[in-house]
Amino acid sequence: MCPAYDDPMTDLHSFIAGLPKAELHVHHVGSASPRIVAELAARHPDSKVPTDPDALADYFTFTDFAHFIEVYLSVVDLVRTPEDVRLLTYEVARDMARQNIRYAELTITPYSSTRRGIDERAFMAAIEDARKAAEAELGVVLRWCFDIPGEAGLEAAEETARLAVELHPEGLVSFGLGGPEIGVPRPQFKPYFDRARAAGLRSVPHAGETTGPETVWDALNELGAERIGHGTSSVKDPALLAHLAEHRIALEVCPTSNIATRAVERLEDHPIKRMVEAGVLVTINSDDPPMFGTDLNNEYAVAARLLDLDERGLAALAKNAVEASFLDETGKARLREEIDTYTEQWLSA
């Protein structure tokens, strides 16, 4: 179950559940539900991942960010065939549809699959088949961000850039960088981001989650970041906040994730309010939702509590994600209108 949002106004929860939403920071493997993780673990019994969905809650209890990465990679190791990839991708979209997520940019780390022996073209075909089926059958529009696993170094960066530029599946819109930040400086990845950006991909690296604001500056200055994954430590640098606000560079904020990985000690200490007060474009996201016992609806409820938002405030937050997305302008206008129509109908009921 998701962490409870303790508020007597249950109508706000109902409003969030029906609110049309976009999500910009959510990981492919990290979105696998306990049911799917258990099914994949049963397919591959040499794994240490539990095959009992109920046991996964304990398995997904993290001591720190390094432990989270260790557990995350053990789940990555369960995705070994194109059939696994297709199953995972479609089921993630099914979970999104249940939350009224209309559009999502799903962060995918193809290197983790191709180096485990999945044929690269079969991998691309699997995610694309799932994407098209999700849009036709579930009404969820998916786009991809190909993500360098920073801990795997420049070899992974080279391979990820090659796959993105040479194979460039239809749904691919952006290029990212994830994994641990400590000991993985952002500037070394500049040539790979330059190549991806020259091919028309947008830059969306993680930065400032477990390191200071200097990592965010590196992402901006060296990698040409157009959005920042997490950016939690940005609040420590007023000049950085002002820069983000002036240039409408969105932060992809994931409150429950930050607590689960110990990037932030307590929810009450989360810096999201300072980000908003500084005029930064803030979007709400779930990161690796089943691993953190959350979903996007719950993250909106958490944001409502931290920012003291009513229905109109939540609708404005939903439109932030639309603005910061790489959806085409027609799609953005349609989704904004859907959010406004839903909100007005709710308030007039």
Protein backbone atom coordinates (compact mmCIF):
# COMPACT_ATOMS: atom_id res chain seq x y z
CA MET A 1 0.00 0.00 0.00
CA CYS A 2 1.04 3.59 -0.52
CA PRO A 3 1.97 5.75 2.47
CA ALA A 4 -1.18 7.36 3.80
CA TYR A 5 -1.75 11.05 3.26
CA ASP A 6 -3.31 11.93 6.59
CA ASP A 7 -5.97 14.50 5.75
CA PRO A 8 -9.67 14.37 6.64
CA MET A 9 -10.54 15.92 3.27
CA THR A 10 -10.92 12.64 1.44
CA ASP A 11 -12.42 14.57 -1.48
CA LEU A 12 -8.91 15.80 -2.27
CA HIS A 13 -7.76 12.19 -2.71
CA SER A 14 -10.67 11.54 -5.03
CA PHE A 15 -9.84 14.68 -7.01
CA ILE A 16 -6.23 13.55 -7.40
CA ALA A 17 -7.28 10.07 -8.49
CA GLY A 18 -9.32 11.47 -11.37
CA LEU A 19 -6.95 14.31 -12.30
CA PRO A 20 -5.39 13.84 -15.76
CA LYS A 21 -1.64 13.83 -15.26
CA ALA A 22 1.75 13.68 -16.98
CA GLU A 23 4.82 12.12 -15.39
CA LEU A 24 8.37 13.04 -16.36
CA HIS A 25 10.65 11.18 -13.94
CA VAL A 26 9.79 7.51 -13.64
CA HIS A 27 12.06 4.55 -14.30
CA HIS A 28 11.20 1.60 -16.50
CA VAL A 29 12.44 -1.28 -14.33
CA GLY A 30 11.80 0.69 -11.16
CA SER A 31 8.10 0.86 -12.04
CA ALA A 32 7.62 -2.91 -12.03
CA SER A 33 4.81 -3.75 -9.61
CA PRO A 34 5.37 -6.45 -6.94
CA ARG A 35 3.23 -8.79 -9.03
CA ILE A 36 5.43 -8.31 -12.09
CA VAL A 37 8.69 -8.45 -10.12
CA ALA A 38 7.56 -11.69 -8.49
CA GLU A 39 6.57 -13.12 -11.88
CA LEU A 40 9.94 -12.23 -13.37
CA ALA A 41 11.73 -13.66 -10.32
CA ALA A 42 9.82 -16.92 -10.75
CA ARG A 43 10.91 -17.02 -14.41
CA HIS A 44 14.53 -16.66 -13.31
CA PRO A 45 14.94 -18.68 -10.08
CA ASP A 46 18.70 -18.09 -9.84
CA SER A 47 17.91 -14.54 -8.67
CA LYS A 48 17.89 -13.53 -4.99
CA VAL A 49 14.78 -11.39 -5.55
CA PRO A 50 11.77 -12.84 -3.65
CA THR A 51 9.10 -14.59 -5.68
CA ASP A 52 6.46 -13.73 -3.08
CA PRO A 53 4.95 -10.26 -3.74
CA ASP A 54 4.33 -9.79 0.00
CA ALA A 55 8.03 -10.33 0.76
CA LEU A 56 9.06 -7.56 -1.62
CA ALA A 57 8.09 -4.81 0.86
CA ASP A 58 10.92 -5.90 3.15
CA TYR A 59 13.27 -6.41 0.21
CA PHE A 60 12.51 -2.85 -0.92
CA THR A 61 13.49 -1.29 2.43
CA PHE A 62 16.69 0.63 1.83
CA THR A 63 19.41 1.61 4.27
CA ASP A 64 20.91 4.28 2.00
CA PHE A 65 21.26 5.24 -1.66
CA ALA A 66 24.01 2.68 -2.29
CA HIS A 67 21.76 -0.10 -0.96
CA PHE A 68 18.93 1.15 -3.17
CA ILE A 69 21.20 0.88 -6.24
CA GLU A 70 22.19 -2.66 -5.22
CA VAL A 71 18.56 -3.76 -4.90
CA TYR A 72 17.56 -1.91 -8.07
CA LEU A 73 20.22 -3.72 -10.10
CA SER A 74 19.05 -7.07 -8.76
CA VAL A 75 15.62 -6.32 -10.24
CA VAL A 76 17.21 -5.12 -13.49
CA ASP A 77 18.84 -8.55 -13.71
CA LEU A 78 15.38 -10.15 -13.92
CA VAL A 79 14.74 -8.57 -17.33
CA ARG A 80 16.57 -11.01 -19.58
CA THR A 81 14.51 -11.55 -22.74
CA PRO A 82 12.57 -9.37 -25.17
CA GLU A 83 9.41 -10.99 -23.78
CA ASP A 84 10.38 -9.80 -20.30
CA VAL A 85 10.91 -6.30 -21.67
CA ARG A 86 7.56 -6.21 -23.43
CA LEU A 87 5.68 -7.57 -20.41
CA LEU A 88 7.29 -5.06 -18.06
CA THR A 89 6.68 -2.08 -20.34
CA TYR A 90 3.02 -2.80 -21.02
CA GLU A 91 2.25 -3.55 -17.37
CA VAL A 92 3.87 -0.28 -16.30
CA ALA A 93 1.54 1.51 -18.72
CA ARG A 94 -1.43 -0.41 -17.29
CA ASP A 95 -0.57 0.85 -13.79
CA MET A 96 -0.28 4.38 -15.17
CA ALA A 97 -3.69 4.16 -16.80
CA ARG A 98 -5.25 3.26 -13.44
CA GLN A 99 -3.93 6.59 -12.10
CA ASN A 100 -5.19 8.68 -15.02
CA ILE A 101 -1.67 9.32 -16.25
CA ARG A 102 -2.18 10.40 -19.84
CA TYR A 103 1.45 10.98 -20.83
CA ALA A 104 4.73 9.71 -19.40
CA GLU A 105 8.39 9.98 -20.28
CA LEU A 106 9.74 6.66 -19.10
CA THR A 107 13.45 6.48 -18.29
CA ILE A 108 14.93 3.36 -19.84
CA THR A 109 18.50 2.09 -19.41
CA PRO A 110 19.06 -0.01 -22.55
CA TYR A 111 22.70 -0.74 -21.62
CA SER A 112 21.52 -2.78 -18.64
CA SER A 113 19.60 -5.08 -20.99
CA THR A 114 21.92 -5.25 -24.00
CA ARG A 115 24.94 -6.10 -21.86
CA ARG A 116 22.92 -8.95 -20.36
CA GLY A 117 22.56 -10.42 -23.82
CA ILE A 118 19.25 -9.05 -25.12
CA ASP A 119 19.61 -8.25 -28.80
CA GLU A 120 19.51 -4.48 -29.18
CA ARG A 121 17.03 -4.47 -32.05
CA ALA A 122 14.79 -6.96 -30.29
CA PHE A 123 14.89 -4.70 -27.23
CA MET A 124 13.82 -1.68 -29.27
CA ALA A 125 11.06 -3.68 -30.94
CA ALA A 126 9.76 -4.85 -27.56
CA ILE A 127 9.46 -1.38 -26.03
CA GLU A 128 7.96 0.06 -29.19
CA ASP A 129 5.39 -2.72 -29.47
CA ALA A 130 4.39 -2.13 -25.86
CA ARG A 131 4.27 1.64 -26.40
CA LYS A 132 1.95 1.39 -29.38
CA ALA A 133 -0.30 -1.12 -27.62
CA ALA A 134 -0.45 1.05 -24.48
CA GLU A 135 -1.59 4.08 -26.47
CA ALA A 136 -4.16 2.13 -28.49
CA GLU A 137 -5.54 -0.04 -25.69
CA LEU A 138 -4.96 1.99 -22.50
CA GLY A 139 -4.91 5.60 -23.69
CA VAL A 140 -1.44 6.18 -22.20
CA VAL A 141 1.08 8.01 -24.40
CA LEU A 142 4.62 6.84 -23.63
CA ARG A 143 7.88 8.41 -24.67
CA TRP A 144 11.40 7.27 -23.84
CA CYS A 145 14.43 8.81 -22.14
CA PHE A 146 17.53 6.66 -22.73
CA ASP A 147 19.57 6.84 -19.57
CA ILE A 148 23.31 6.30 -18.96
CA PRO A 149 23.88 4.23 -15.78
CA GLY A 150 26.57 6.47 -14.34
CA GLU A 151 28.10 3.78 -12.15
CA ALA A 152 28.98 1.78 -15.30
CA GLY A 153 31.24 4.53 -16.60
CA LEU A 154 32.15 5.74 -20.06
CA GLU A 155 31.68 2.36 -21.72
CA ALA A 156 28.01 2.54 -20.79
CA ALA A 157 27.84 6.15 -21.95
CA GLU A 158 29.30 5.24 -25.34
CA GLU A 159 26.89 2.32 -25.78
CA THR A 160 23.85 4.33 -24.66
CA ALA A 161 24.70 7.18 -27.03
CA ARG A 162 25.23 4.72 -29.89
CA LEU A 163 21.90 2.98 -29.28
CA ALA A 164 20.10 6.30 -29.01
CA VAL A 165 21.59 7.89 -32.10
CA GLU A 166 21.88 4.89 -34.42
CA LEU A 167 18.70 2.99 -33.56
CA HIS A 168 16.61 5.95 -32.32
CA PRO A 169 13.24 4.26 -31.73
CA GLU A 170 10.21 6.33 -32.65
CA GLY A 171 9.24 7.04 -29.04
CA LEU A 172 12.67 8.31 -27.97
CA VAL A 173 12.70 12.01 -27.02
CA SER A 174 15.49 12.54 -24.49
CA PHE A 175 18.85 11.47 -23.09
CA GLY A 176 19.62 11.12 -19.38
CA LEU A 177 22.13 10.15 -16.73
CA GLY A 178 21.22 8.23 -13.58
CA GLY A 179 22.78 6.11 -10.87
CA PRO A 180 24.97 7.36 -8.02
CA GLU A 181 26.32 10.90 -8.19
CA ILE A 182 29.09 10.58 -5.61
CA GLY A 183 32.29 9.70 -7.45
CA VAL A 184 30.56 10.05 -10.84
CA PRO A 185 31.23 13.63 -12.01
CA ARG A 186 28.86 14.96 -14.66
CA PRO A 187 31.41 16.70 -16.97
CA GLN A 188 32.94 13.41 -18.18
CA PHE A 189 29.67 12.63 -19.97
CA LYS A 190 29.65 15.83 -22.04
CA PRO A 191 30.73 14.23 -25.37
CA TYR A 192 27.88 11.72 -25.18
CA PHE A 193 25.28 14.36 -24.38
CA ASP A 194 26.66 16.52 -27.18
CA ARG A 195 26.16 13.62 -29.60
CA ALA A 196 22.63 12.91 -28.37
CA ARG A 197 21.63 16.57 -28.49
CA ALA A 198 23.00 16.89 -32.03
CA ALA A 199 20.66 14.03 -32.95
CA GLY A 200 17.70 16.03 -31.63
CA LEU A 201 17.37 14.49 -28.18
CA ARG A 202 16.66 16.63 -25.12
CA SER A 203 18.98 16.63 -22.09
CA VAL A 204 17.53 15.45 -18.76
CA PRO A 205 20.27 14.25 -16.38
CA HIS A 206 19.85 13.46 -12.70
CA ALA A 207 21.78 15.94 -10.56
CA GLY A 208 21.86 17.33 -7.04
CA GLU A 209 20.07 14.39 -5.45
CA THR A 210 22.86 13.11 -3.17
CA THR A 211 25.48 15.77 -3.94
CA GLY A 212 25.47 19.55 -3.75
CA PRO A 213 24.31 22.28 -6.13
CA GLU A 214 27.62 22.20 -7.99
CA THR A 215 26.43 18.95 -9.62
CA VAL A 216 23.36 20.77 -10.92
CA TRP A 217 25.54 23.54 -12.31
CA ASP A 218 27.65 20.88 -14.07
CA ALA A 219 24.51 19.33 -15.55
CA LEU A 220 23.46 22.73 -16.86
CA ASN A 221 26.80 23.99 -18.10
CA GLU A 222 28.39 20.75 -19.34
CA LEU A 223 25.42 18.59 -20.34
CA GLY A 224 23.00 21.29 -21.53
CA ALA A 225 20.29 20.10 -19.14
CA GLU A 226 16.77 21.26 -20.02
CA ARG A 227 15.28 19.63 -16.93
CA ILE A 228 16.98 18.33 -13.79
CA GLY A 229 16.21 14.96 -12.25
CA HIS A 230 15.63 15.60 -8.53
CA GLY A 231 17.82 18.71 -8.03
CA THR A 232 17.09 18.47 -4.31
CA SER A 233 20.21 20.35 -3.23
CA SER A 234 19.49 23.31 -5.54
CA VAL A 235 17.94 25.13 -2.59
CA LYS A 236 21.41 25.51 -1.06
CA ASP A 237 22.38 27.97 -3.81
CA PRO A 238 20.13 31.04 -4.27
CA ALA A 239 21.87 31.92 -7.54
CA LEU A 240 21.10 28.46 -8.90
CA LEU A 241 17.44 28.73 -7.90
CA ALA A 242 17.25 32.11 -9.61
CA HIS A 243 18.83 30.67 -12.76
CA LEU A 244 16.41 27.72 -12.83
CA ALA A 245 13.45 30.05 -12.31
CA GLU A 246 14.54 32.58 -14.94
CA HIS A 247 15.13 29.96 -17.62
CA ARG A 248 12.11 27.79 -16.72
CA ILE A 249 14.34 24.74 -16.21
CA ALA A 250 12.08 22.35 -14.37
CA LEU A 251 13.01 20.21 -11.40
CA GLU A 252 11.63 16.67 -11.44
CA VAL A 253 10.79 16.34 -7.75
CA CYS A 254 10.16 12.91 -6.21
CA PRO A 255 9.40 13.43 -2.50
CA THR A 256 8.87 9.86 -1.30
CA SER A 257 11.90 8.64 -3.25
CA ASN A 258 14.08 11.24 -1.54
CA ILE A 259 13.00 9.94 1.87
CA ALA A 260 13.36 6.26 0.91
CA THR A 261 16.93 6.72 -0.35
CA ARG A 262 17.82 9.00 2.60
CA ALA A 263 18.56 11.91 0.28
CA VAL A 264 16.24 13.87 2.60
CA GLU A 265 15.94 12.90 6.26
CA ARG A 266 12.25 13.62 6.91
CA LEU A 267 9.33 14.53 4.69
CA GLU A 268 8.82 17.69 6.73
CA ASP A 269 12.35 18.72 5.73
CA HIS A 270 11.79 18.32 2.00
CA PRO A 271 12.90 21.49 0.14
CA ILE A 272 10.02 21.53 -2.35
CA LYS A 273 8.38 24.56 -0.74
CA ARG A 274 11.58 26.60 -1.03
CA MET A 275 11.82 25.62 -4.69
CA VAL A 276 8.29 26.83 -5.36
CA GLU A 277 8.79 30.04 -3.36
CA ALA A 278 11.86 30.78 -5.51
CA GLY A 279 9.70 30.58 -8.65
CA VAL A 280 11.18 27.32 -9.94
CA LEU A 281 9.03 25.20 -12.25
CA VAL A 282 8.40 22.13 -10.08
CA THR A 283 6.96 18.86 -11.36
CA ILE A 284 5.82 15.93 -9.22
CA ASN A 285 6.99 12.41 -10.00
CA SER A 286 7.21 8.93 -8.48
CA ASP A 287 10.70 7.79 -9.62
CA ASP A 288 10.59 4.03 -8.78
CA PRO A 289 7.08 3.81 -7.35
CA PRO A 290 6.62 0.17 -6.22
CA MET A 291 10.11 0.11 -4.75
CA PHE A 292 9.24 3.15 -2.65
CA GLY A 293 5.70 2.02 -1.80
CA THR A 294 4.12 4.92 -3.66
CA ASP A 295 2.54 5.99 -6.94
CA LEU A 296 1.98 9.31 -8.69
CA ASN A 297 -1.41 9.85 -7.04
CA ASN A 298 0.23 9.53 -3.64
CA GLU A 299 3.02 11.92 -4.62
CA TYR A 300 0.41 14.54 -5.52
CA ALA A 301 -1.20 14.00 -2.11
CA VAL A 302 2.20 14.45 -0.45
CA ALA A 303 2.78 17.63 -2.48
CA ALA A 304 -0.65 18.94 -1.46
CA ARG A 305 0.33 18.53 2.16
CA LEU A 306 3.81 20.04 1.82
CA LEU A 307 2.61 22.99 -0.28
CA ASP A 308 -0.85 23.42 1.28
CA LEU A 309 -2.62 23.04 -2.06
CA ASP A 310 -6.31 22.84 -2.89
CA GLU A 311 -7.79 21.43 -6.09
CA ARG A 312 -6.81 24.42 -8.22
CA GLY A 313 -3.28 24.28 -6.82
CA LEU A 314 -3.03 20.61 -7.69
CA ALA A 315 -4.34 21.28 -11.20
CA ALA A 316 -1.67 23.96 -11.63
CA LEU A 317 0.95 21.45 -10.48
CA ALA A 318 -0.32 18.97 -13.07
CA LYS A 319 -0.02 21.64 -15.76
CA ASN A 320 3.61 22.27 -14.71
CA ALA A 321 4.40 18.74 -15.86
CA VAL A 322 2.67 19.37 -19.16
CA GLU A 323 4.67 22.57 -19.68
CA ALA A 324 7.97 20.89 -18.84
CA SER A 325 7.26 17.81 -20.97
CA PHE A 326 8.54 17.12 -24.47
CA LEU A 327 5.05 16.46 -25.74
CA ASP A 328 4.21 18.30 -28.96
CA GLU A 329 2.31 21.58 -28.65
CA THR A 330 -0.97 20.10 -29.85
CA GLY A 331 -0.71 17.35 -27.27
CA LYS A 332 0.16 19.87 -24.55
CA ALA A 333 -2.86 22.03 -25.38
CA ARG A 334 -5.14 19.00 -25.35
CA LEU A 335 -3.89 17.78 -21.98
CA ARG A 336 -4.05 21.25 -20.39
CA GLU A 337 -7.64 21.57 -21.58
CA GLU A 338 -8.46 18.16 -20.15
CA ILE A 339 -7.02 19.19 -16.76
CA ASP A 340 -8.98 22.46 -16.77
CA THR A 341 -12.24 20.82 -17.82
CA TYR A 342 -11.91 18.12 -15.17
CA THR A 343 -11.12 20.69 -12.47
CA GLU A 344 -14.04 22.98 -13.33
CA GLN A 345 -16.46 20.07 -13.47
CA TRP A 346 -15.23 18.81 -10.12
CA LEU A 347 -15.55 22.21 -8.43
CA SER A 348 -19.00 22.87 -9.86
CA ALA A 349 -20.40 19.46 -8.92
